[in-house]
N, C-alpha and C. Protein backbone atom coordinates (compact mmCIF):
# COMPACT_ATOMS: atom_id res chain seq x y z
N UNK A 1 0.97 -1.36 -0.04
CA UNK A 1 0.14 0.03 0.24
C UNK A 1 0.71 1.09 0.01
N UNK A 2 0.76 2.00 -0.84
CA UNK A 2 1.49 3.29 -1.01
C UNK A 2 0.69 4.42 -0.40
N UNK A 3 1.23 5.07 0.54
CA UNK A 3 0.72 6.36 1.29
C UNK A 3 1.14 7.72 1.18
N UNK A 4 0.92 8.86 0.95
CA UNK A 4 1.28 10.33 0.22
C UNK A 4 2.53 10.51 1.37
N UNK A 5 3.32 11.59 0.69
CA UNK A 5 4.45 11.70 1.56
C UNK A 5 4.49 12.15 2.60
N UNK A 6 3.31 12.82 3.13
CA UNK A 6 2.66 13.67 4.50
C UNK A 6 1.93 12.75 5.09
N UNK A 7 1.75 11.53 4.75
CA UNK A 7 0.25 10.70 5.36
C UNK A 7 1.14 9.63 6.33
N UNK A 8 0.37 9.02 7.63
CA UNK A 8 0.77 7.85 8.15
C UNK A 8 -0.58 6.83 8.12
N UNK A 9 -0.16 5.63 8.07
CA UNK A 9 -1.16 4.42 8.44
C UNK A 9 -1.83 4.69 9.78
N UNK A 10 -2.93 4.67 9.69
CA UNK A 10 -3.69 4.39 11.41
C UNK A 10 -2.57 3.57 12.35
N UNK A 11 -2.41 2.25 11.82
CA UNK A 11 -1.52 1.39 12.69
C UNK A 11 -0.21 2.24 13.06
N UNK A 12 0.32 2.78 12.47
CA UNK A 12 1.66 3.68 13.06
C UNK A 12 1.33 4.75 13.91
N UNK A 13 -0.12 5.15 14.43
CA UNK A 13 -0.08 6.35 15.34
C UNK A 13 -0.08 5.41 16.71
N UNK A 14 -0.15 4.33 16.68
CA UNK A 14 -0.43 3.62 18.05
C UNK A 14 0.65 3.50 18.99
N UNK A 15 2.12 3.42 18.34
CA UNK A 15 2.60 3.82 19.15
C UNK A 15 3.47 5.27 19.18
N UNK A 16 2.68 6.25 18.72
CA UNK A 16 3.47 7.67 18.89
C UNK A 16 2.42 8.33 19.85
N UNK A 17 2.13 7.82 20.96
CA UNK A 17 1.10 8.64 21.95
C UNK A 17 2.18 9.58 22.76
N UNK A 18 1.08 10.21 23.98
CA UNK A 18 1.24 11.49 24.45
C UNK A 18 2.42 10.59 25.53
N UNK A 19 2.66 9.32 25.72
CA UNK A 19 3.52 8.63 26.69
C UNK A 19 4.80 8.17 25.94
N UNK A 20 4.92 8.01 24.81
CA UNK A 20 6.07 7.50 24.35
C UNK A 20 6.61 8.43 23.26
N UNK A 21 7.59 8.04 22.58
CA UNK A 21 8.39 8.92 21.49
C UNK A 21 7.53 9.63 20.68
N UNK A 22 7.84 10.67 20.10
CA UNK A 22 7.20 11.01 19.23
C UNK A 22 7.78 11.28 17.62
N UNK A 23 7.07 11.27 16.75
CA UNK A 23 7.84 11.32 15.24
C UNK A 23 8.03 12.83 15.18
N UNK A 24 8.83 13.35 14.32
CA UNK A 24 9.07 14.71 14.05
C UNK A 24 8.35 14.94 12.54
N UNK A 25 7.67 15.42 12.23
CA UNK A 25 6.94 15.71 11.09
C UNK A 25 7.05 16.84 10.12
N UNK A 26 7.03 17.08 9.00
CA UNK A 26 7.56 18.32 8.11
C UNK A 26 6.39 19.31 8.81
N UNK A 27 6.91 20.68 8.84
CA UNK A 27 6.32 21.78 9.25
C UNK A 27 4.79 21.83 8.35
N UNK A 28 4.89 21.51 7.21
CA UNK A 28 3.57 21.69 6.22
C UNK A 28 2.58 20.75 6.56
N UNK A 29 2.99 19.49 7.55
CA UNK A 29 1.76 18.73 7.92
C UNK A 29 0.69 18.70 8.95
N UNK A 30 -0.30 18.25 8.46
CA UNK A 30 -1.56 18.76 9.25
C UNK A 30 -1.49 18.03 10.72
N UNK A 31 -1.72 18.64 11.49
CA UNK A 31 -1.55 18.37 12.91
C UNK A 31 -2.93 18.02 13.69
N UNK A 32 -3.20 17.44 14.72
CA UNK A 32 -4.27 17.03 15.68
C UNK A 32 -3.58 17.40 16.77
N UNK A 33 -4.45 18.21 17.34
CA UNK A 33 -4.32 18.17 19.13
C UNK A 33 -5.53 17.93 19.51
N UNK A 34 -5.57 16.84 20.42
CA UNK A 34 -6.28 16.44 20.98
C UNK A 34 -6.67 17.04 22.43
N UNK A 35 -7.71 17.25 23.03
CA UNK A 35 -7.94 17.96 23.96
C UNK A 35 -7.85 17.31 25.22
N UNK A 36 -7.41 16.05 25.48
CA UNK A 36 -7.28 15.29 26.77
C UNK A 36 -6.04 15.19 26.67
N UNK A 37 -5.24 14.39 25.65
CA UNK A 37 -3.86 13.59 26.49
C UNK A 37 -2.88 14.65 26.77
N UNK A 38 -1.72 14.23 27.42
CA UNK A 38 -0.87 15.14 27.77
C UNK A 38 -0.20 15.51 26.28
N UNK A 39 1.16 16.21 26.74
CA UNK A 39 2.06 16.78 25.76
C UNK A 39 1.50 17.98 24.60
N UNK A 40 1.35 18.28 23.93
CA UNK A 40 0.97 19.41 22.93
C UNK A 40 -0.63 19.47 22.84
N UNK A 41 -1.45 19.47 23.79
CA UNK A 41 -2.94 19.08 23.68
C UNK A 41 -3.39 20.34 23.29
N UNK A 42 -4.83 20.57 23.09
CA UNK A 42 -5.23 21.99 22.77
C UNK A 42 -5.15 23.40 23.71
N UNK A 43 -5.21 23.13 24.77
CA UNK A 43 -4.78 24.13 25.62
C UNK A 43 -3.59 25.02 25.35
N UNK A 44 -2.32 23.87 25.41
CA UNK A 44 -1.07 24.54 25.44
C UNK A 44 -1.01 24.82 24.18
N UNK A 45 -1.52 24.41 22.94
CA UNK A 45 -1.04 24.87 21.41
C UNK A 45 -1.89 26.44 21.40
N UNK A 46 -3.00 26.27 21.82
CA UNK A 46 -3.96 27.58 21.69
C UNK A 46 -3.34 28.53 22.51
N UNK A 47 -2.99 28.49 23.85
CA UNK A 47 -2.06 29.18 24.78
C UNK A 47 -0.62 29.87 24.77
N UNK A 48 -0.25 29.24 23.42
CA UNK A 48 1.05 29.60 23.40
C UNK A 48 1.42 31.18 23.24
N UNK A 49 0.59 31.80 22.45
CA UNK A 49 0.56 33.59 22.30
C UNK A 49 0.56 34.11 23.63
N UNK A 50 1.53 35.00 23.84
CA UNK A 50 1.78 35.45 25.07
C UNK A 50 0.40 36.70 25.41
N UNK A 51 0.12 36.99 26.32
CA UNK A 51 -1.21 37.44 26.63
C UNK A 51 -2.43 37.20 26.03
N UNK A 52 -2.75 36.24 25.85
CA UNK A 52 -3.59 35.73 25.16
C UNK A 52 -4.55 35.12 25.85
N UNK A 53 -6.10 34.88 25.63
CA UNK A 53 -6.81 33.76 26.46
C UNK A 53 -7.70 32.97 25.36
N UNK A 54 -8.10 31.99 26.05
CA UNK A 54 -8.73 30.78 25.13
C UNK A 54 -10.70 30.88 25.57
N UNK A 55 -11.22 30.83 24.39
CA UNK A 55 -12.41 30.39 24.89
C UNK A 55 -12.82 29.02 24.54
N UNK A 56 -12.72 27.90 25.31
CA UNK A 56 -13.16 26.55 24.69
C UNK A 56 -14.41 26.44 24.52
N UNK A 57 -15.04 26.14 23.39
CA UNK A 57 -16.79 25.88 23.41
C UNK A 57 -16.75 24.83 23.00
N UNK A 58 -17.25 23.91 23.76
CA UNK A 58 -17.49 22.19 23.78
C UNK A 58 -18.47 21.59 24.51
N UNK A 59 -18.96 20.52 24.07
CA UNK A 59 -19.73 19.63 24.84
C UNK A 59 -19.16 19.65 26.12
N UNK A 60 -19.76 19.28 27.11
CA UNK A 60 -19.48 18.92 28.43
C UNK A 60 -18.26 17.67 28.76
N UNK A 61 -18.31 16.97 27.87
CA UNK A 61 -17.15 16.11 28.19
C UNK A 61 -15.23 16.46 27.46
N UNK A 62 -15.54 17.17 26.43
CA UNK A 62 -14.11 17.70 25.63
C UNK A 62 -13.99 19.28 26.34
N UNK A 63 -15.06 19.64 27.10
CA UNK A 63 -14.55 20.97 28.02
C UNK A 63 -13.96 20.11 29.23
N UNK A 64 -14.67 19.16 29.79
CA UNK A 64 -13.57 18.97 31.00
C UNK A 64 -12.12 18.42 30.98
N UNK A 65 -11.86 18.14 29.60
CA UNK A 65 -10.51 17.76 29.59
C UNK A 65 -9.89 18.71 29.32
N UNK A 66 -10.04 19.75 28.73
CA UNK A 66 -9.69 20.99 28.46
C UNK A 66 -9.14 21.54 29.58
N UNK A 67 -10.41 21.73 30.52
CA UNK A 67 -10.16 22.39 31.79
C UNK A 67 -9.11 21.93 32.49
N UNK A 68 -9.17 20.50 32.73
CA UNK A 68 -8.09 19.81 33.56
C UNK A 68 -6.71 19.84 33.32
N UNK A 69 -6.69 20.11 31.73
CA UNK A 69 -5.30 20.07 31.04
C UNK A 69 -4.92 21.63 31.52
N UNK A 70 -5.85 22.52 31.09
CA UNK A 70 -5.41 24.28 31.19
C UNK A 70 -4.98 24.31 32.86
N UNK A 71 -5.53 23.33 33.97
CA UNK A 71 -5.24 23.77 34.90
C UNK A 71 -3.96 23.41 35.60
N UNK A 72 -3.43 21.97 34.81
CA UNK A 72 -2.50 21.45 35.03
C UNK A 72 -1.34 22.20 34.53
N UNK A 73 -1.30 22.62 33.73
CA UNK A 73 -0.38 23.68 32.75
C UNK A 73 -0.45 25.03 33.43
N UNK A 74 -1.21 25.59 34.20
CA UNK A 74 -1.04 26.66 34.74
C UNK A 74 -1.66 28.04 34.11
N UNK A 75 -2.66 27.63 33.11
CA UNK A 75 -3.77 28.57 32.40
C UNK A 75 -4.86 28.81 32.87
N UNK A 76 -5.21 28.36 34.04
CA UNK A 76 -6.52 28.75 34.89
C UNK A 76 -7.11 29.88 34.43
N UNK A 77 -6.40 31.10 34.78
CA UNK A 77 -6.61 32.39 34.48
C UNK A 77 -7.17 32.83 32.88
N UNK A 78 -6.21 31.95 32.17
CA UNK A 78 -6.17 32.31 30.91
C UNK A 78 -7.40 31.92 29.91
N UNK A 79 -7.98 30.36 30.63
CA UNK A 79 -8.70 29.70 29.70
C UNK A 79 -10.01 29.72 30.29
N UNK A 80 -11.19 29.91 29.57
CA UNK A 80 -12.67 30.32 29.97
C UNK A 80 -13.07 28.93 28.57
N UNK A 81 -14.20 28.59 29.43
CA UNK A 81 -15.18 27.36 29.03
C UNK A 81 -16.64 27.50 28.93
N UNK A 82 -16.97 27.33 27.46
CA UNK A 82 -18.18 27.57 27.14
C UNK A 82 -18.76 26.19 26.95
N UNK A 83 -20.02 25.52 27.43
CA UNK A 83 -20.45 24.47 27.27
C UNK A 83 -21.61 24.24 26.20
N UNK A 84 -21.36 23.58 25.08
CA UNK A 84 -22.26 23.65 24.17
C UNK A 84 -23.34 22.41 24.24
N UNK A 85 -24.36 22.56 24.32
CA UNK A 85 -25.33 21.48 24.62
C UNK A 85 -25.78 20.91 23.04
N UNK A 86 -26.22 19.82 23.12
CA UNK A 86 -26.80 19.14 21.44
C UNK A 86 -27.73 20.37 20.94
N UNK A 87 -28.76 20.82 21.94
CA UNK A 87 -29.51 21.67 21.27
C UNK A 87 -28.97 22.72 20.54
N UNK A 88 -27.98 23.39 21.61
CA UNK A 88 -27.36 24.63 20.62
C UNK A 88 -26.45 24.24 19.39
N UNK A 89 -25.92 22.70 19.41
CA UNK A 89 -25.21 22.48 18.13
C UNK A 89 -26.72 22.64 17.27
N UNK A 90 -27.58 21.72 17.23
CA UNK A 90 -28.33 21.68 16.15
C UNK A 90 -29.43 22.98 15.66
N UNK A 91 -29.51 23.62 16.99
CA UNK A 91 -30.30 24.93 16.60
C UNK A 91 -29.44 26.11 16.01
N UNK A 92 -27.96 25.98 15.94
CA UNK A 92 -27.08 26.96 15.73
C UNK A 92 -27.10 27.94 16.99
N UNK A 93 -27.51 27.83 17.88
CA UNK A 93 -27.56 28.89 18.98
C UNK A 93 -26.03 29.08 19.72
N UNK A 94 -25.19 27.93 19.26
CA UNK A 94 -23.92 27.91 19.82
C UNK A 94 -23.40 29.20 19.19
N UNK A 95 -23.45 29.47 18.07
CA UNK A 95 -22.56 30.91 17.48
C UNK A 95 -22.88 32.10 18.47
N UNK A 96 -24.37 31.97 18.76
CA UNK A 96 -24.55 33.16 19.46
C UNK A 96 -23.91 33.69 20.67
N UNK A 97 -23.96 32.28 21.28
CA UNK A 97 -23.39 31.95 22.68
C UNK A 97 -21.95 32.09 22.80
N UNK A 98 -21.13 31.70 21.52
CA UNK A 98 -19.49 32.04 21.51
C UNK A 98 -19.29 33.22 21.22
N UNK A 99 -20.01 33.99 20.68
CA UNK A 99 -20.33 35.52 20.34
C UNK A 99 -20.26 36.37 21.85
N UNK A 100 -21.05 36.18 22.27
CA UNK A 100 -21.64 36.86 23.71
C UNK A 100 -20.63 36.13 24.72
N UNK A 101 -20.21 35.17 24.94
CA UNK A 101 -18.91 34.69 25.62
C UNK A 101 -17.69 35.49 25.37
N UNK A 102 -17.34 35.41 23.98
CA UNK A 102 -16.34 36.31 23.56
C UNK A 102 -16.11 37.78 24.16
N UNK A 103 -17.40 38.06 24.14
CA UNK A 103 -17.49 39.39 24.37
C UNK A 103 -17.79 39.83 25.29
N UNK A 104 -18.16 38.78 26.38
CA UNK A 104 -18.14 39.07 27.89
C UNK A 104 -16.57 39.10 28.50
N UNK A 105 -15.60 38.49 27.84
CA UNK A 105 -14.39 37.91 27.88
C UNK A 105 -13.86 39.21 27.86
N UNK A 106 -13.63 39.83 26.66
CA UNK A 106 -12.76 40.87 26.82
C UNK A 106 -13.54 42.21 27.28
N UNK A 107 -14.82 41.87 27.65
CA UNK A 107 -14.85 43.41 28.50
C UNK A 107 -14.30 43.25 29.68
N UNK A 108 -14.50 41.95 30.00
CA UNK A 108 -14.32 41.92 31.86
C UNK A 108 -12.78 41.22 32.04
N UNK A 109 -12.08 40.76 31.04
CA UNK A 109 -10.87 39.89 31.69
C UNK A 109 -9.56 41.03 31.95
N UNK A 110 -9.22 40.89 33.32
CA UNK A 110 -7.97 41.73 33.66
C UNK A 110 -6.67 40.79 33.93
N UNK A 111 -5.61 41.15 33.38
CA UNK A 111 -5.38 42.03 32.56
C UNK A 111 -6.34 41.91 31.29
N UNK A 112 -6.40 42.98 30.25
CA UNK A 112 -6.95 43.11 29.05
C UNK A 112 -6.10 42.06 28.15
N UNK A 113 -6.77 40.95 27.78
CA UNK A 113 -5.79 40.39 26.65
C UNK A 113 -5.63 40.59 25.57
N UNK A 114 -4.43 40.45 24.83
CA UNK A 114 -4.12 41.19 23.54
C UNK A 114 -4.75 40.05 22.04
N UNK A 115 -5.24 38.70 22.62
CA UNK A 115 -6.10 38.33 21.59
C UNK A 115 -6.74 37.19 22.61
N UNK A 116 -7.59 36.66 21.58
CA UNK A 116 -8.57 35.69 22.17
C UNK A 116 -8.49 34.80 21.07
N UNK A 117 -8.41 33.62 21.40
CA UNK A 117 -8.45 32.32 20.77
C UNK A 117 -9.78 31.36 21.01
N UNK A 118 -10.88 31.56 20.07
CA UNK A 118 -11.75 30.39 19.99
C UNK A 118 -11.49 29.36 19.46
N UNK A 119 -11.74 28.57 20.39
CA UNK A 119 -11.33 26.91 20.08
C UNK A 119 -12.74 26.34 20.10
N UNK A 120 -13.09 24.92 19.21
CA UNK A 120 -14.09 24.34 19.13
C UNK A 120 -13.52 23.05 18.88
N UNK A 121 -14.46 21.99 19.47
CA UNK A 121 -14.09 20.88 19.13
C UNK A 121 -14.42 20.08 17.62
N UNK A 122 -14.12 18.85 17.79
CA UNK A 122 -14.64 18.11 16.64
C UNK A 122 -16.16 18.05 16.14
N UNK A 123 -17.15 18.32 17.24
CA UNK A 123 -18.71 18.16 16.90
C UNK A 123 -19.07 19.65 15.80
N UNK A 124 -18.12 20.62 16.41
CA UNK A 124 -18.12 21.57 15.69
C UNK A 124 -17.78 21.72 14.36
N UNK A 125 -16.60 21.12 13.82
CA UNK A 125 -15.83 21.01 12.62
C UNK A 125 -16.99 20.57 11.50
N UNK A 126 -17.56 19.30 12.36
CA UNK A 126 -18.86 18.50 11.26
C UNK A 126 -19.55 19.53 10.95
N UNK A 127 -20.00 20.55 11.67
CA UNK A 127 -21.14 21.46 11.74
C UNK A 127 -20.96 22.63 10.61
N UNK A 128 -19.37 22.78 10.59
CA UNK A 128 -19.10 23.58 9.59
C UNK A 128 -19.31 25.19 9.79
N UNK A 129 -19.10 25.74 11.31
CA UNK A 129 -19.35 26.73 11.75
C UNK A 129 -18.78 27.81 11.27
N UNK A 130 -19.30 28.89 11.12
CA UNK A 130 -18.58 30.48 10.36
C UNK A 130 -17.84 31.07 11.89
N UNK A 131 -16.81 30.77 12.41
CA UNK A 131 -16.07 31.38 13.37
C UNK A 131 -15.35 32.54 12.89
N UNK A 132 -15.18 32.83 11.81
CA UNK A 132 -14.11 33.50 10.88
C UNK A 132 -15.02 34.87 11.30
N UNK A 133 -16.48 35.00 10.75
CA UNK A 133 -17.34 36.19 10.89
C UNK A 133 -17.26 36.40 12.57
N UNK A 134 -17.47 35.46 13.15
CA UNK A 134 -17.53 35.99 14.89
C UNK A 134 -16.18 36.34 15.15
N UNK A 135 -15.18 36.02 14.62
CA UNK A 135 -13.77 36.67 14.88
C UNK A 135 -13.62 38.14 14.43
N UNK A 136 -14.02 38.30 13.01
CA UNK A 136 -14.14 39.66 12.44
C UNK A 136 -14.96 40.54 13.48
N UNK A 137 -16.50 40.21 14.06
CA UNK A 137 -16.85 41.20 14.79
C UNK A 137 -16.52 41.67 16.09
N UNK A 138 -15.75 40.78 16.74
CA UNK A 138 -14.97 41.04 17.76
C UNK A 138 -13.89 41.90 17.82
N UNK A 139 -13.01 41.46 16.42
CA UNK A 139 -11.94 42.25 16.54
C UNK A 139 -12.55 43.80 16.42
N UNK A 140 -13.30 43.76 15.53
CA UNK A 140 -13.78 45.52 15.19
C UNK A 140 -14.48 45.93 16.57
N UNK A 141 -15.28 45.30 17.50
CA UNK A 141 -15.63 45.80 18.40
C UNK A 141 -15.07 46.15 19.53
N UNK A 142 -13.98 45.22 19.75
CA UNK A 142 -12.88 45.64 20.67
C UNK A 142 -11.25 45.64 20.69
N UNK A 143 -11.04 45.89 19.32
CA UNK A 143 -9.64 46.02 18.81
C UNK A 143 -8.62 45.12 19.53
N UNK A 144 -8.93 43.63 19.28
CA UNK A 144 -8.00 42.75 19.60
C UNK A 144 -7.16 42.22 18.69
């Protein structure tokens, strides 16, 4: 079986977990940062930007993993969680809630963050939500 230059068969991923050795992959390779395992998880990657905060909008299970990881890494004051319910996702209300939560963070966070990272989990990737529009509106309103 031939695979592309930047792909790995699923079987090869099993030995490359958070507790074992990591393979070095080319910089233009797609990366997946799961919310829960140690190492370079979603909160660590998202909060690499100095003076930034993160809004993790997700179902409760992913949010718990992200919260635990963020607390363990010392990001407790920079990580904000928004639980997205099934009803929110199906109705589209999650988009309004994310915008409102982002606005609240930018209004009240101290010190004032230089950047807000809106992070969603795989369920929202499947919905194809337009977070770029939310980001543009928040940038315009709060000059971040």
